[in-house]
């Protein structure tokens, strides 16, 4: 019996935190109050106006107030436009701040104790658009031909909670899943020379881009990532078959050109015969028509310049 998998996803909870400038005034007030209490206690003790126990309590209180002021200073942070911060309190997700500016939050809103002690604000996440340029990947297309393919993916973080908690490292996750999606799309289409009305990697630019984006969206939704655009940046046959495929393409181009030349030549010969017959310039029997057609086709379809030959006799002698 298979174990039941936990597939629950974390969802972002946007919250607002106190204004940083207002809390800065409070913090400065706490620091000033701690210093003032310590100085007054020291003066009163020197003058003999305080009992020893009361003096000790007031000194301890001044240090506590001073320490609280210093601790509160750690809670200040800034956010630039299109930047967010995930707030975590002792392993519990409390929300995400998306408003730019100077803010203050609980100093213990940090991802780890080391981050708190070293003032590493590792819970900040950029919401700006990012580009991921994949390496050139060697894959087999639909017909089994090895091809090189690469793509650029424009993405941005849409759900900060999913990006932080549902995957281990969303940047690495995006890279791996993007390359996997590119390989998957490349295997579904032929490089070129598909069947009638078949979309190919080489000719179906917009449709291939749309399918690649759709494939990426399915894969990256788990990481809270939104795909703005995905498009191929490199497409070529693998080096080991590139020369053979180039010769094939050249042969196909020559054949296509020859087909057009022959069609045009036949059309011109047909037009010439019709005009000769319509204007009664010369009457040709079937044998002479065949000779004329042969000569015209040689002249029109030949690759070298034709050299005329003057016939002093007739076709029958």
Protein backbone atom coordinates (compact mmCIF):
# COMPACT_ATOMS: atom_id res chain seq x y z
CA UNK A 1 0.00 0.00 0.00
CA UNK A 2 1.52 3.30 -1.10
CA UNK A 3 1.91 6.12 1.38
CA UNK A 4 -0.25 9.19 0.93
CA UNK A 5 1.76 12.11 -0.43
CA UNK A 6 1.51 15.59 1.01
CA UNK A 7 0.84 17.81 -2.01
CA UNK A 8 -0.45 20.88 -0.17
CA UNK A 9 0.99 24.11 -1.53
CA UNK A 10 1.85 27.25 0.42
CA UNK A 11 0.08 30.44 -0.67
CA UNK A 12 1.27 34.00 -0.22
CA UNK A 13 -0.29 36.17 2.46
CA UNK A 14 0.39 39.86 1.83
CA UNK A 15 0.62 41.95 5.01
CA UNK A 16 1.50 45.50 6.01
CA UNK A 17 4.10 46.38 8.67
CA UNK A 18 4.74 49.56 10.70
CA UNK A 19 6.38 52.56 9.06
CA UNK A 20 10.15 52.47 9.52
CA UNK A 21 10.54 56.20 10.17
CA UNK A 22 7.97 56.18 12.99
CA UNK A 23 9.62 53.18 14.64
CA UNK A 24 13.03 54.81 14.23
CA UNK A 25 11.83 57.70 16.42
CA UNK A 26 10.62 55.15 19.00
CA UNK A 27 13.95 53.33 18.89
CA UNK A 28 15.94 56.54 19.35
CA UNK A 29 13.65 57.39 22.27
CA UNK A 30 14.37 54.02 23.89
CA UNK A 31 18.12 54.49 23.46
CA UNK A 32 17.96 58.01 24.90
CA UNK A 33 15.77 56.81 27.80
CA UNK A 34 18.21 54.01 28.67
CA UNK A 35 21.20 56.35 28.69
CA UNK A 36 19.29 59.01 30.67
CA UNK A 37 18.17 56.48 33.31
CA UNK A 38 21.72 55.19 33.70
CA UNK A 39 23.17 58.72 34.08
CA UNK A 40 20.50 59.78 36.59
CA UNK A 41 21.01 56.59 38.58
CA UNK A 42 24.75 57.13 38.64
CA UNK A 43 24.33 60.72 39.85
CA UNK A 44 21.80 59.73 42.50
CA UNK A 45 24.05 56.94 43.71
CA UNK A 46 27.03 59.26 43.93
CA UNK A 47 24.97 61.72 45.95
CA UNK A 48 23.79 58.94 48.28
CA UNK A 49 20.12 59.47 47.43
CA UNK A 50 19.54 55.81 46.39
CA UNK A 51 19.66 52.60 48.28
CA UNK A 52 21.95 49.93 46.85
CA UNK A 53 19.14 47.57 45.85
CA UNK A 54 17.16 50.33 44.14
CA UNK A 55 20.26 51.56 42.32
CA UNK A 56 21.01 48.06 41.03
CA UNK A 57 17.43 47.66 39.77
CA UNK A 58 17.55 51.01 37.99
CA UNK A 59 20.89 50.18 36.34
CA UNK A 60 19.55 46.80 35.21
CA UNK A 61 16.44 48.54 33.87
CA UNK A 62 18.57 51.05 31.94
CA UNK A 63 20.56 48.24 30.33
CA UNK A 64 17.36 46.40 29.43
CA UNK A 65 15.87 49.53 27.84
CA UNK A 66 19.11 50.18 25.96
CA UNK A 67 19.24 46.56 24.78
CA UNK A 68 15.61 46.72 23.68
CA UNK A 69 16.35 49.84 21.64
CA UNK A 70 19.32 48.17 19.94
CA UNK A 71 17.25 45.05 19.26
CA UNK A 72 14.45 47.09 17.71
CA UNK A 73 16.95 48.77 15.38
CA UNK A 74 17.58 45.37 13.79
CA UNK A 75 13.94 45.23 12.70
CA UNK A 76 14.35 48.03 10.14
CA UNK A 77 14.58 47.11 6.46
CA UNK A 78 14.03 48.71 3.07
CA UNK A 79 12.32 47.41 -0.06
CA UNK A 80 12.84 48.71 -3.57
CA UNK A 81 10.08 48.73 -6.20
CA UNK A 82 9.28 45.19 -7.38
CA UNK A 83 10.90 43.65 -4.32
CA UNK A 84 9.31 41.67 -1.48
CA UNK A 85 10.34 40.22 1.86
CA UNK A 86 9.07 36.99 3.37
CA UNK A 87 8.53 37.21 7.13
CA UNK A 88 9.22 34.03 9.12
CA UNK A 89 9.01 33.78 12.91
CA UNK A 90 10.74 30.72 14.38
CA UNK A 91 9.94 28.61 11.34
CA UNK A 92 6.35 29.83 10.95
CA UNK A 93 5.40 31.83 7.85
CA UNK A 94 3.73 35.10 8.87
CA UNK A 95 3.30 36.91 5.57
CA UNK A 96 4.97 38.82 2.74
CA UNK A 97 5.64 42.56 2.53
CA UNK A 98 5.40 43.91 -1.05
CA UNK A 99 5.23 47.70 -0.44
CA UNK A 100 8.42 49.55 -1.31
CA UNK A 101 9.95 51.95 1.20
CA UNK A 102 11.41 51.98 4.74
CA UNK A 103 9.71 49.47 7.07
CA UNK A 104 10.00 47.91 10.50
CA UNK A 105 9.07 44.41 11.57
CA UNK A 106 9.67 42.10 14.49
CA UNK A 107 13.48 41.67 14.68
CA UNK A 108 12.99 37.91 14.99
CA UNK A 109 11.36 37.79 11.54
CA UNK A 110 14.29 36.07 9.96
CA UNK A 111 14.92 32.80 8.15
CA UNK A 112 17.55 31.50 10.54
CA UNK A 113 19.47 32.34 13.70
CA UNK A 114 22.65 32.92 11.68
CA UNK A 115 20.77 35.29 9.40
CA UNK A 116 19.53 37.17 12.45
CA UNK A 117 22.97 37.43 14.04
CA UNK A 118 24.76 38.36 10.81
CA UNK A 119 21.97 40.67 9.58
CA UNK A 120 21.53 38.66 6.37
CA UNK A 121 18.19 39.61 4.85
CA UNK A 122 18.07 36.42 2.79
CA UNK A 123 14.28 36.44 2.80
CA UNK A 124 14.20 39.27 0.25
CA UNK A 125 12.91 38.22 -3.16
CA UNK A 126 13.07 40.18 -6.39
CA UNK A 127 9.75 40.46 -8.25
CA UNK A 128 11.36 41.84 -11.39
CA UNK A 129 11.44 40.03 -14.72
CA UNK A 130 14.41 37.68 -15.14
CA UNK A 131 15.96 36.12 -18.23
CA UNK A 132 17.13 32.53 -18.29
CA UNK A 133 19.27 31.66 -21.31
CA UNK A 134 19.61 27.92 -21.61
CA UNK A 135 22.75 26.19 -22.81
CA UNK A 136 22.78 24.56 -26.24
CA UNK A 137 21.13 21.20 -25.67
CA UNK A 138 21.57 18.19 -27.95
CA UNK A 139 18.26 16.34 -28.35
CA UNK A 140 16.55 14.10 -30.90
CA UNK A 141 13.64 15.58 -32.81
CA UNK A 142 10.44 13.72 -33.71
CA UNK A 143 12.20 11.86 -36.54
CA UNK A 144 15.19 10.90 -34.43
CA UNK A 145 17.60 13.42 -35.93
CA UNK A 146 20.05 14.90 -33.39
CA UNK A 147 19.64 18.68 -33.19
CA UNK A 148 21.05 21.49 -31.07
CA UNK A 149 18.49 23.74 -29.43
CA UNK A 150 18.50 26.62 -26.95
CA UNK A 151 15.86 29.03 -25.66
CA UNK A 152 15.38 32.15 -23.56
CA UNK A 153 12.75 32.21 -20.81
CA UNK A 154 11.45 35.46 -19.30
CA UNK A 155 10.04 34.78 -15.84
CA UNK A 156 9.10 36.50 -12.59
CA UNK A 157 8.10 35.40 -9.09
CA UNK A 158 4.32 35.60 -8.68
CA UNK A 159 3.87 33.82 -5.31
CA UNK A 160 6.73 34.43 -2.87
CA UNK A 161 5.54 31.81 -0.38
CA UNK A 162 5.60 29.05 -2.98
CA UNK A 163 9.00 30.17 -4.26
CA UNK A 164 10.51 30.02 -0.77
CA UNK A 165 8.75 27.04 0.81
CA UNK A 166 7.54 24.68 -1.93
CA UNK A 167 10.92 24.21 -3.67
CA UNK A 168 14.40 24.06 -2.21
CA UNK A 169 16.01 26.67 -4.50
CA UNK A 170 13.67 28.25 -7.03
CA UNK A 171 16.49 29.58 -9.23
CA UNK A 172 17.96 26.11 -9.63
CA UNK A 173 14.47 24.64 -10.02
CA UNK A 174 13.70 27.05 -12.88
CA UNK A 175 16.94 26.15 -14.66
CA UNK A 176 16.40 22.38 -14.45
CA UNK A 177 12.71 22.48 -15.37
CA UNK A 178 13.29 24.89 -18.26
CA UNK A 179 15.89 22.63 -19.83
CA UNK A 180 13.58 19.65 -19.31
CA UNK A 181 10.71 21.48 -21.02
CA UNK A 182 12.92 22.46 -23.97
CA UNK A 183 13.94 18.81 -24.44
CA UNK A 184 10.32 17.70 -24.22
CA UNK A 185 9.12 20.20 -26.83
CA UNK A 186 12.00 19.40 -29.20
CA UNK A 187 11.11 15.69 -29.18
CA UNK A 188 7.51 16.41 -30.22
CA UNK A 189 8.32 18.18 -33.51
CA UNK A 190 10.47 17.48 -36.53
CA UNK A 191 13.31 19.88 -37.32
CA UNK A 192 11.93 20.46 -40.81
CA UNK A 193 10.40 18.56 -43.73
CA UNK A 194 7.28 17.59 -41.82
CA UNK A 195 4.13 16.13 -43.30
CA UNK A 196 1.54 18.32 -45.01
CA UNK A 197 0.51 21.21 -42.70
CA UNK A 198 2.72 19.79 -39.93
CA UNK A 199 4.36 22.29 -37.57
CA UNK A 200 8.14 22.01 -37.43
CA UNK A 201 10.76 23.45 -35.13
CA UNK A 202 12.24 25.46 -37.97
CA UNK A 203 9.02 26.82 -39.45
CA UNK A 204 6.56 27.02 -36.56
CA UNK A 205 8.11 29.88 -34.58
CA UNK A 206 5.03 31.33 -32.88
CA UNK A 207 3.34 27.99 -32.23
CA UNK A 208 6.52 26.42 -30.88
CA UNK A 209 7.00 29.43 -28.58
CA UNK A 210 3.40 29.14 -27.36
CA UNK A 211 3.76 25.41 -26.64
CA UNK A 212 7.06 25.96 -24.86
CA UNK A 213 5.54 28.68 -22.68
CA UNK A 214 2.57 26.44 -21.84
CA UNK A 215 4.89 23.57 -20.92
CA UNK A 216 6.96 25.86 -18.69
CA UNK A 217 3.88 27.26 -16.94
CA UNK A 218 2.77 23.75 -16.01
CA UNK A 219 6.20 22.91 -14.62
CA UNK A 220 6.96 26.19 -12.83
CA UNK A 221 3.58 26.85 -11.21
CA UNK A 222 4.70 24.74 -8.25
CA UNK A 223 7.49 27.25 -7.58
CA UNK A 224 5.17 30.26 -7.74
CA UNK A 225 6.82 31.44 -10.96
CA UNK A 226 5.02 33.14 -13.84
CA UNK A 227 6.38 32.81 -17.39
CA UNK A 228 6.10 35.99 -19.47
CA UNK A 229 7.70 34.70 -22.65
CA UNK A 230 9.64 31.73 -23.98
CA UNK A 231 11.29 31.59 -27.40
CA UNK A 232 13.93 29.54 -29.21
CA UNK A 233 17.26 31.33 -29.66
CA UNK A 234 19.28 28.60 -31.36
CA UNK A 235 18.28 25.72 -33.63
CA UNK A 236 20.61 23.65 -35.80
CA UNK A 237 21.44 20.10 -36.73
CA UNK A 238 24.08 18.43 -34.58
CA UNK A 239 27.61 18.70 -36.06
CA UNK A 240 27.82 14.98 -36.89
CA UNK A 241 24.92 15.19 -39.38
CA UNK A 242 25.04 18.88 -40.31
CA UNK A 243 27.02 18.38 -43.55
CA UNK A 244 24.77 15.54 -44.74
CA UNK A 245 21.63 17.54 -43.96
CA UNK A 246 23.09 20.57 -45.77
CA UNK A 247 23.61 18.49 -48.90
CA UNK A 248 20.06 17.21 -48.62
CA UNK A 249 18.71 20.75 -48.31
CA UNK A 250 20.78 21.86 -51.29
CA UNK A 251 19.49 18.94 -53.37
CA UNK A 252 15.89 19.73 -52.37
CA UNK A 253 16.44 23.37 -53.33
CA UNK A 254 17.83 22.36 -56.73
CA UNK A 255 14.91 20.00 -57.36
CA UNK A 256 12.39 22.68 -56.39
CA UNK A 257 14.09 25.18 -58.70
CA UNK A 258 14.13 22.68 -61.56
CA UNK A 259 10.43 22.01 -61.11
CA UNK A 260 9.66 25.69 -61.49
CA UNK A 261 11.93 25.99 -64.53
CA UNK A 262 10.27 23.00 -66.24
CA UNK A 263 6.77 24.29 -65.49
CA UNK A 264 7.70 27.68 -66.90
CA UNK A 265 9.33 26.18 -69.98
CA UNK A 266 6.31 23.98 -70.74
CA UNK A 267 4.05 26.98 -70.40
CA UNK A 268 6.22 29.03 -72.79
CA UNK A 269 6.39 26.22 -75.38
CA UNK A 270 2.61 25.76 -75.21
CA UNK A 271 2.09 29.48 -75.69
CA UNK A 272 4.51 29.56 -78.65
CA UNK A 273 2.76 26.68 -80.42
CA UNK A 274 -0.66 28.23 -79.91
CA UNK A 275 0.47 31.59 -81.29
CA UNK A 276 2.11 30.00 -84.33
CA UNK A 277 -1.04 28.07 -85.06
CA UNK A 278 -3.39 30.97 -84.38
CA UNK A 279 -1.49 33.41 -86.62
CA UNK A 280 -0.86 30.77 -89.34
CA UNK A 281 2.80 31.67 -89.47
CA UNK A 282 3.82 28.14 -90.28
CA UNK A 283 2.05 24.83 -90.43
CA UNK A 284 3.74 22.10 -88.45
CA UNK A 285 2.99 18.41 -88.57
CA UNK A 286 3.36 16.27 -85.45
CA UNK A 287 6.99 15.38 -86.13
CA UNK A 288 8.03 19.03 -86.57
CA UNK A 289 6.07 20.02 -83.46
CA UNK A 290 7.95 17.36 -81.50
CA UNK A 291 11.30 18.63 -82.80
CA UNK A 292 10.39 22.23 -81.98
CA UNK A 293 9.23 21.31 -78.49
CA UNK A 294 12.45 19.36 -77.90
CA UNK A 295 14.62 22.25 -79.06
CA UNK A 296 12.75 24.84 -77.00
CA UNK A 297 12.87 22.74 -73.86
CA UNK A 298 16.62 22.20 -74.29
CA UNK A 299 17.15 25.96 -74.64
CA UNK A 300 14.84 26.94 -71.76
CA UNK A 301 15.79 24.21 -69.29
CA UNK A 302 19.51 23.95 -70.02
CA UNK A 303 22.04 25.29 -67.54
CA UNK A 304 24.53 26.30 -70.25
CA UNK A 305 24.01 28.82 -73.02
CA UNK A 306 22.61 27.11 -76.15
CA UNK A 307 24.56 27.25 -79.43
CA UNK A 308 22.30 27.47 -82.46
CA UNK A 309 22.80 24.99 -85.32
CA UNK A 310 21.67 26.00 -88.84
CA UNK A 311 19.97 23.16 -90.60
CA UNK A 312 20.35 23.46 -94.39
CA UNK A 313 18.26 20.41 -95.10
CA UNK A 314 14.93 19.15 -93.85
CA UNK A 315 13.80 16.79 -91.19
CA UNK A 316 13.05 14.21 -93.87
CA UNK A 317 16.39 14.11 -95.69
